[in-house]
Protein backbone atom coordinates (compact mmCIF):
# COMPACT_ATOMS: atom_id res chain seq x y z
CA UNK A 1 -0.01 -0.03 0.02
CA UNK A 2 6.36 2.71 -1.95
CA UNK A 3 6.81 4.66 1.53
CA UNK A 4 9.64 6.02 3.45
CA UNK A 5 8.47 5.70 7.05
CA UNK A 6 10.47 7.92 9.84
CA UNK A 7 9.25 9.18 13.14
CA UNK A 8 11.54 12.44 12.78
CA UNK A 9 9.43 14.62 10.58
CA UNK A 10 12.55 15.55 8.72
CA UNK A 11 13.21 12.33 7.34
CA UNK A 12 9.86 11.38 6.35
CA UNK A 13 9.19 10.86 2.33
CA UNK A 14 6.59 8.71 0.43
CA UNK A 15 5.78 5.28 0.12
CA UNK A 16 5.43 2.46 -1.42
CA UNK A 17 2.37 1.55 -0.64
CA UNK A 18 0.96 1.01 0.36
CA UNK A 19 1.84 0.13 1.24
CA UNK A 20 -1.99 -1.68 2.98
CA UNK A 21 -5.43 -5.24 3.79
CA UNK A 22 -8.89 -7.22 4.09
CA UNK A 23 -12.13 -6.55 5.37
CA UNK A 24 -15.32 -8.07 6.45
CA UNK A 25 -18.48 -6.63 5.10
CA UNK A 26 -19.53 -3.52 7.30
CA UNK A 27 -22.16 -4.14 9.81
CA UNK A 28 -24.29 -1.54 8.34
CA UNK A 29 -24.29 -2.84 4.94
CA UNK A 30 -27.74 -1.17 4.13
CA UNK A 31 -26.33 2.16 5.18
CA UNK A 32 -23.56 1.59 2.99
CA UNK A 33 -25.93 0.87 -0.14
CA UNK A 34 -27.51 3.91 0.81
CA UNK A 35 -24.49 5.98 0.94
CA UNK A 36 -23.38 4.47 -2.42
CA UNK A 37 -26.93 5.50 -4.04
CA UNK A 38 -26.67 9.11 -2.86
CA UNK A 39 -22.92 9.89 -3.78
CA UNK A 40 -23.77 10.38 -7.26
CA UNK A 41 -25.69 13.67 -6.43
CA UNK A 42 -23.92 14.52 -3.23
CA UNK A 43 -20.30 14.72 -4.43
CA UNK A 44 -19.52 15.62 -8.26
CA UNK A 45 -15.86 16.37 -7.47
CA UNK A 46 -13.18 13.91 -8.89
CA UNK A 47 -13.41 11.86 -5.76
CA UNK A 48 -17.03 11.71 -5.89
CA UNK A 49 -16.91 10.41 -9.48
CA UNK A 50 -14.29 7.89 -9.11
CA UNK A 51 -16.33 6.44 -5.87
CA UNK A 52 -19.57 5.78 -8.15
CA UNK A 53 -20.62 2.34 -8.31
CA UNK A 54 -17.81 1.19 -5.91
CA UNK A 55 -16.27 1.36 -2.51
CA UNK A 56 -13.61 4.00 -2.16
CA UNK A 57 -10.83 3.52 0.66
CA UNK A 58 -8.12 6.09 1.19
CA UNK A 59 -4.64 5.92 3.13
CA UNK A 60 -3.85 9.01 5.25
CA UNK A 61 -0.18 9.23 6.81
CA UNK A 62 0.71 10.29 10.31
CA UNK A 63 2.99 13.01 9.20
CA UNK A 64 0.41 14.87 7.40
CA UNK A 65 -3.12 14.62 9.32
CA UNK A 66 -4.39 18.18 9.31
CA UNK A 67 -5.13 18.24 5.27
CA UNK A 68 -6.54 14.89 5.00
CA UNK A 69 -9.13 15.53 7.89
CA UNK A 70 -10.75 18.70 6.22
CA UNK A 71 -10.72 16.47 2.89
CA UNK A 72 -12.48 13.32 4.55
CA UNK A 73 -15.02 15.73 6.22
CA UNK A 74 -15.62 17.44 2.66
CA UNK A 75 -16.05 14.15 0.83
CA UNK A 76 -17.42 11.81 3.38
CA UNK A 77 -20.19 10.87 1.31
CA UNK A 78 -17.50 9.20 -1.05
CA UNK A 79 -14.93 7.65 1.42
CA UNK A 80 -16.17 4.03 2.37
CA UNK A 81 -13.08 3.53 4.60
CA UNK A 82 -9.76 5.15 5.78
CA UNK A 83 -6.68 3.21 6.61
CA UNK A 84 -4.98 5.06 9.57
CA UNK A 85 -1.18 4.72 8.66
CA UNK A 86 0.34 3.83 10.67
CA UNK A 87 1.23 1.26 13.75
CA UNK A 88 4.74 0.74 13.68
CA UNK A 89 7.39 -1.15 16.05
CA UNK A 90 9.79 0.12 18.73
CA UNK A 91 12.95 -1.42 18.53
CA UNK A 92 14.23 -0.06 21.59
CA UNK A 93 11.15 -1.82 23.55
CA UNK A 94 11.49 -5.49 22.19
CA UNK A 95 9.65 -4.45 18.94
CA UNK A 96 6.61 -3.33 20.90
CA UNK A 97 3.94 -2.55 18.41
CA UNK A 98 2.52 1.21 19.02
CA UNK A 99 0.30 3.65 17.26
CA UNK A 100 2.01 6.78 16.14
CA UNK A 101 0.98 10.38 17.68
CA UNK A 102 -0.23 11.61 14.17
CA UNK A 103 -2.53 8.38 13.52
CA UNK A 104 -3.91 8.83 17.08
CA UNK A 105 -4.66 12.73 16.27
CA UNK A 106 -6.49 11.52 13.17
CA UNK A 107 -8.63 9.08 14.54
CA UNK A 108 -9.57 11.23 17.48
CA UNK A 109 -10.80 13.86 15.19
CA UNK A 110 -12.63 11.80 12.61
CA UNK A 111 -14.59 10.35 15.74
CA UNK A 112 -15.19 13.87 16.95
CA UNK A 113 -16.70 15.14 13.84
CA UNK A 114 -20.24 14.56 12.98
CA UNK A 115 -19.78 14.05 9.23
CA UNK A 116 -16.82 11.24 9.53
CA UNK A 117 -17.65 9.64 12.95
CA UNK A 118 -19.37 6.61 11.03
CA UNK A 119 -16.91 6.28 8.58
CA UNK A 120 -14.90 2.98 9.41
CA UNK A 121 -11.23 3.47 9.94
CA UNK A 122 -8.83 0.77 10.10
CA UNK A 123 -5.48 0.71 12.08
CA UNK A 124 -2.65 0.07 9.34
CA UNK A 125 0.19 -1.98 10.69
CA UNK A 126 3.41 -2.00 8.96
CA UNK A 127 6.79 -3.60 8.95
CA UNK A 128 8.54 -0.34 9.92
CA UNK A 129 10.54 0.68 13.06
CA UNK A 130 11.57 3.79 14.14
CA UNK A 131 14.85 3.65 12.18
CA UNK A 132 14.19 1.15 9.38
CA UNK A 133 11.20 0.86 6.90
CA UNK A 134 9.72 -2.54 5.39
CA UNK A 135 12.12 -4.59 7.60
CA UNK A 136 11.66 -8.41 6.28
CA UNK A 137 14.18 -9.28 9.53
CA UNK A 138 11.41 -7.60 11.64
CA UNK A 139 8.76 -9.86 10.31
CA UNK A 140 10.69 -12.98 10.52
CA UNK A 141 11.54 -12.35 14.03
CA UNK A 142 7.66 -11.54 15.07
CA UNK A 143 6.29 -14.60 13.14
CA UNK A 144 9.34 -17.04 13.94
CA UNK A 145 7.01 -19.74 15.60
CA UNK A 146 3.29 -20.42 15.85
CA UNK A 147 3.38 -19.21 19.25
CA UNK A 148 5.17 -16.05 18.22
CA UNK A 149 2.72 -15.43 15.40
CA UNK A 150 -0.32 -16.04 17.88
CA UNK A 151 1.20 -13.55 20.40
CA UNK A 152 1.73 -11.05 17.64
CA UNK A 153 -1.97 -11.49 16.42
CA UNK A 154 -3.09 -10.95 20.06
CA UNK A 155 -0.95 -7.61 20.51
CA UNK A 156 -2.50 -6.23 17.29
CA UNK A 157 -6.22 -6.94 18.19
CA UNK A 158 -5.64 -5.75 21.73
CA UNK A 159 -4.21 -2.40 20.05
CA UNK A 160 -6.85 -2.18 17.71
CA UNK A 161 -9.45 -2.33 20.38
CA UNK A 162 -7.60 -0.10 22.82
CA UNK A 163 -7.97 2.70 20.25
CA UNK A 164 -11.31 1.62 18.98
CA UNK A 165 -10.85 1.27 15.37
CA UNK A 166 -13.11 -0.66 13.08
CA UNK A 167 -10.60 -2.90 11.89
CA UNK A 168 -7.21 -4.08 11.33
CA UNK A 169 -5.08 -3.65 8.14
CA UNK A 170 -1.79 -5.74 7.66
CA UNK A 171 0.85 -4.18 5.35
CA UNK A 172 4.07 -6.20 5.74
CA UNK A 173 5.83 -5.18 2.39
CA UNK A 174 8.85 -6.34 0.71
CA UNK A 175 8.32 -10.20 1.26
CA UNK A 176 8.22 -10.39 -2.32
CA UNK A 177 8.71 -14.14 -3.44
CA UNK A 178 10.13 -15.59 0.12
CA UNK A 179 7.63 -18.45 0.11
CA UNK A 180 9.15 -19.59 3.54
CA UNK A 181 8.25 -16.23 5.17
CA UNK A 182 4.89 -16.01 3.61
CA UNK A 183 4.02 -19.47 4.80
CA UNK A 184 4.71 -18.00 8.25
CA UNK A 185 2.69 -15.27 7.33
CA UNK A 186 -0.25 -17.55 6.46
CA UNK A 187 -0.06 -19.16 9.97
CA UNK A 188 -0.08 -15.54 11.55
CA UNK A 189 -3.01 -14.54 9.37
CA UNK A 190 -5.13 -17.71 10.44
CA UNK A 191 -4.76 -16.54 14.16
CA UNK A 192 -5.48 -12.95 13.43
CA UNK A 193 -8.32 -13.47 11.24
CA UNK A 194 -9.97 -15.91 13.97
CA UNK A 195 -9.46 -13.10 16.73
CA UNK A 196 -10.76 -10.33 14.58
CA UNK A 197 -13.93 -12.50 14.07
CA UNK A 198 -14.14 -13.23 17.72
CA UNK A 199 -13.81 -9.46 18.51
CA UNK A 200 -16.26 -8.40 15.54
CA UNK A 201 -13.28 -6.46 13.71
CA UNK A 202 -12.94 -6.16 10.00
CA UNK A 203 -9.58 -7.28 8.53
CA UNK A 204 -7.70 -6.12 5.30
CA UNK A 205 -4.59 -7.61 4.10
CA UNK A 206 -2.34 -5.73 1.57
CA UNK A 207 -0.55 -7.51 -1.28
CA UNK A 208 2.48 -6.41 -3.53
CA UNK A 209 2.30 -7.61 -6.99
CA UNK A 210 5.03 -9.94 -6.46
CA UNK A 211 3.07 -11.88 -3.80
CA UNK A 212 3.26 -15.69 -4.84
CA UNK A 213 -0.33 -16.47 -4.26
CA UNK A 214 -0.33 -19.61 -6.06
CA UNK A 215 2.29 -20.88 -3.78
CA UNK A 216 0.60 -20.08 -0.56
CA UNK A 217 -2.65 -20.73 1.13
CA UNK A 218 -4.02 -17.41 2.54
CA UNK A 219 -7.20 -17.76 4.74
CA UNK A 220 -10.63 -17.35 3.18
CA UNK A 221 -12.55 -14.39 4.50
CA UNK A 222 -10.44 -11.11 4.82
CA UNK A 223 -10.36 -8.33 2.19
CA UNK A 224 -7.17 -8.81 -0.05
CA UNK A 225 -6.18 -5.44 -1.47
CA UNK A 226 -3.64 -5.90 -4.14
CA UNK A 227 -1.30 -2.94 -4.80
CA UNK A 228 -1.32 -1.83 -8.63
CA UNK A 229 1.41 0.92 -8.44
CA UNK A 230 5.12 1.32 -8.62
CA UNK A 231 5.75 -0.11 -11.92
CA UNK A 232 8.36 2.64 -12.21
CA UNK A 233 9.66 4.40 -9.15
CA UNK A 234 12.79 4.19 -6.88
CA UNK A 235 15.85 2.34 -8.68
CA UNK A 236 14.03 2.39 -12.12
CA UNK A 237 14.12 4.27 -15.47
CA UNK A 238 11.62 7.18 -15.54
CA UNK A 239 8.08 5.82 -16.22
CA UNK A 240 4.55 5.78 -14.88
CA UNK A 241 3.46 4.18 -11.77
CA UNK A 242 1.18 1.89 -13.62
CA UNK A 243 -0.03 1.13 -17.17
CA UNK A 244 -2.79 -0.87 -18.84
CA UNK A 245 -0.60 -3.90 -19.32
CA UNK A 246 0.73 -4.04 -15.86
CA UNK A 247 -2.72 -3.54 -14.37
CA UNK A 248 -4.18 -6.30 -16.38
CA UNK A 249 -1.40 -8.67 -15.48
CA UNK A 250 -1.61 -7.87 -11.97
CA UNK A 251 -5.27 -8.51 -11.58
CA UNK A 252 -5.17 -11.70 -13.63
CA UNK A 253 -2.37 -13.23 -11.15
CA UNK A 254 -4.83 -12.69 -8.10
CA UNK A 255 -7.90 -14.12 -9.40
CA UNK A 256 -7.55 -17.31 -7.58
CA UNK A 257 -8.16 -15.26 -4.37
CA UNK A 258 -11.64 -14.12 -5.49
CA UNK A 259 -13.26 -10.90 -5.37
CA UNK A 260 -10.22 -8.87 -4.26
CA UNK A 261 -10.01 -5.10 -4.44
CA UNK A 262 -7.02 -2.80 -5.91
CA UNK A 263 -4.93 -0.03 -4.79
CA UNK A 264 -3.76 2.78 -6.96
CA UNK A 265 -1.50 5.52 -6.29
CA UNK A 266 -1.65 9.38 -7.07
CA UNK A 267 1.24 11.61 -7.29
CA UNK A 268 4.47 10.56 -8.69
CA UNK A 269 8.23 10.68 -9.29
CA UNK A 270 10.76 13.00 -10.22
CA UNK A 271 13.31 11.10 -11.88
CA UNK A 272 16.71 13.14 -11.91
CA UNK A 273 18.68 10.56 -13.99
CA UNK A 274 17.71 8.02 -16.44
CA UNK A 275 19.13 5.09 -14.29
CA UNK A 276 17.04 5.39 -11.44
CA UNK A 277 19.95 6.58 -9.02
CA UNK A 278 18.24 10.01 -8.53
CA UNK A 279 14.54 9.65 -7.80
CA UNK A 280 12.11 11.91 -5.49
CA UNK A 281 8.58 10.97 -4.60
CA UNK A 282 5.96 13.40 -5.24
CA UNK A 283 2.37 13.83 -3.65
CA UNK A 284 -0.11 15.57 -5.95
CA UNK A 285 0.30 18.82 -4.17
CA UNK A 286 4.11 18.48 -4.81
CA UNK A 287 3.43 17.95 -8.35
CA UNK A 288 1.29 21.24 -8.86
CA UNK A 289 4.02 23.28 -6.91
CA UNK A 290 6.62 21.98 -9.39
CA UNK A 291 4.56 22.29 -12.39
CA UNK A 292 3.79 26.08 -11.40
CA UNK A 293 7.38 26.68 -10.13
CA UNK A 294 8.87 25.05 -13.46
CA UNK A 295 6.25 26.72 -15.71
CA UNK A 296 5.82 23.02 -17.11
CA UNK A 297 3.22 21.84 -19.55
CA UNK A 298 2.47 18.30 -18.97
CA UNK A 299 1.35 15.79 -21.57
CA UNK A 300 -0.45 12.53 -21.27
CA UNK A 301 0.97 9.51 -22.13
CA UNK A 302 -1.49 7.28 -24.29
CA UNK A 303 -0.23 4.03 -23.28
CA UNK A 304 -0.65 4.50 -19.49
CA UNK A 305 -2.80 7.35 -18.84
CA UNK A 306 -0.38 9.16 -16.80
CA UNK A 307 0.98 12.43 -17.36
CA UNK A 308 4.61 13.62 -17.68
CA UNK A 309 6.82 16.72 -18.31
CA UNK A 310 10.35 17.58 -18.15
CA UNK A 311 12.78 20.28 -16.83
CA UNK A 312 16.24 20.41 -17.00
CA UNK A 313 17.54 16.77 -16.94
CA UNK A 314 14.66 15.73 -14.94
CA UNK A 315 11.73 13.77 -15.99
CA UNK A 316 8.62 13.77 -13.94
CA UNK A 317 5.81 11.34 -14.32
CA UNK A 318 2.72 11.31 -12.11
CA UNK A 319 -1.09 10.60 -12.00
CA UNK A 320 -4.02 13.01 -12.10
CA UNK A 321 -7.65 12.47 -11.55
CA UNK A 322 -8.05 11.34 -15.05
CA UNK A 323 -5.14 8.93 -14.80
CA UNK A 324 -6.88 7.26 -11.84
CA UNK A 325 -10.31 7.06 -13.66
CA UNK A 326 -8.50 5.58 -16.74
CA UNK A 327 -6.69 2.86 -14.55
CA UNK A 328 -9.89 2.16 -12.50
CA UNK A 329 -11.79 1.60 -15.63
CA UNK A 330 -8.85 -0.51 -17.09
CA UNK A 331 -9.30 -2.74 -13.74
CA UNK A 332 -13.17 -2.88 -14.11
CA UNK A 333 -12.85 -4.14 -17.56
CA UNK A 334 -10.29 -6.78 -16.63
CA UNK A 335 -12.43 -8.08 -13.37
CA UNK A 336 -15.62 -7.90 -15.32
CA UNK A 337 -17.10 -5.59 -12.37
CA UNK A 338 -16.66 -2.36 -10.55
CA UNK A 339 -13.87 -2.97 -8.53
CA UNK A 340 -13.43 -1.63 -5.01
CA UNK A 341 -10.53 0.66 -4.92
CA UNK A 342 -7.92 1.84 -2.36
CA UNK A 343 -6.01 5.12 -3.22
CA UNK A 344 -2.46 6.15 -1.56
CA UNK A 345 -2.81 8.76 -0.24
CA UNK A 346 -5.15 11.50 0.94
CA UNK A 347 -4.10 15.12 1.31
């Protein structure tokens, strides 16, 4: 659900991903249906148009909460869920899981607002520590045995209930094709899903495109969210976060999981070199500021639907509102239905 996560504000950068996971059907399904039917007339914004006929989920980040709170309030009719990014691990306290201050602030303000207090909010758990992002060594340690996996599931559910979230979202990233670690994750997920059902919590599980789903047995029940971005990015040549071929291939790779949902990303990357050694992540607002500052004239790439422009030796690729519509339509056509979407990230 890519992302650089640091507690110190000065070191914070953008993803992955997304890195982010799965969910039961909301308890108030009738109210959700009513909400979906009303959104066509209640929100004619780009967000509202993207949400028509589907559930729309957004991720927020703990280092930027004030803007997202206002955005969610303004477009509450179009937002079916929020991933409160993030709960991370404290390596100085025996890898204890804790909710970041920014995530606490966002949850508190959403609950206090009449327009957003009913919006489902998930605690997004990532394999980051205070000093390291997307640590697979951390995942290996947390899930080293069945007993460890069971204990980790208990701690996650306990923290979720403590802060009164509606559900859990698991976003362990960069496991890639490590089938041994994925099998340990499957044992953990089974324990977590059982506890979530017992405590009436929803569960979302975020999967990267490289997840070897045909080689592992993931439990039936949670909502699986497939990340469909970062085709190009850190360490790559310049290009879009996704294109039609990539989206169709990714969607087909996860058909065996059933009715999955998909994650897309707005914003983009500024490629300073052609070899991927100088790449900067850009949010949507970053892109707008850069276009204005450089007096750039972006053009749309026909093959991907993404926007791009150059300045000096730099090449910038990003997704605007129309790009997200194009990518969503591509996934809809591939799946033969209006797919539910998660968007990284809200500003």
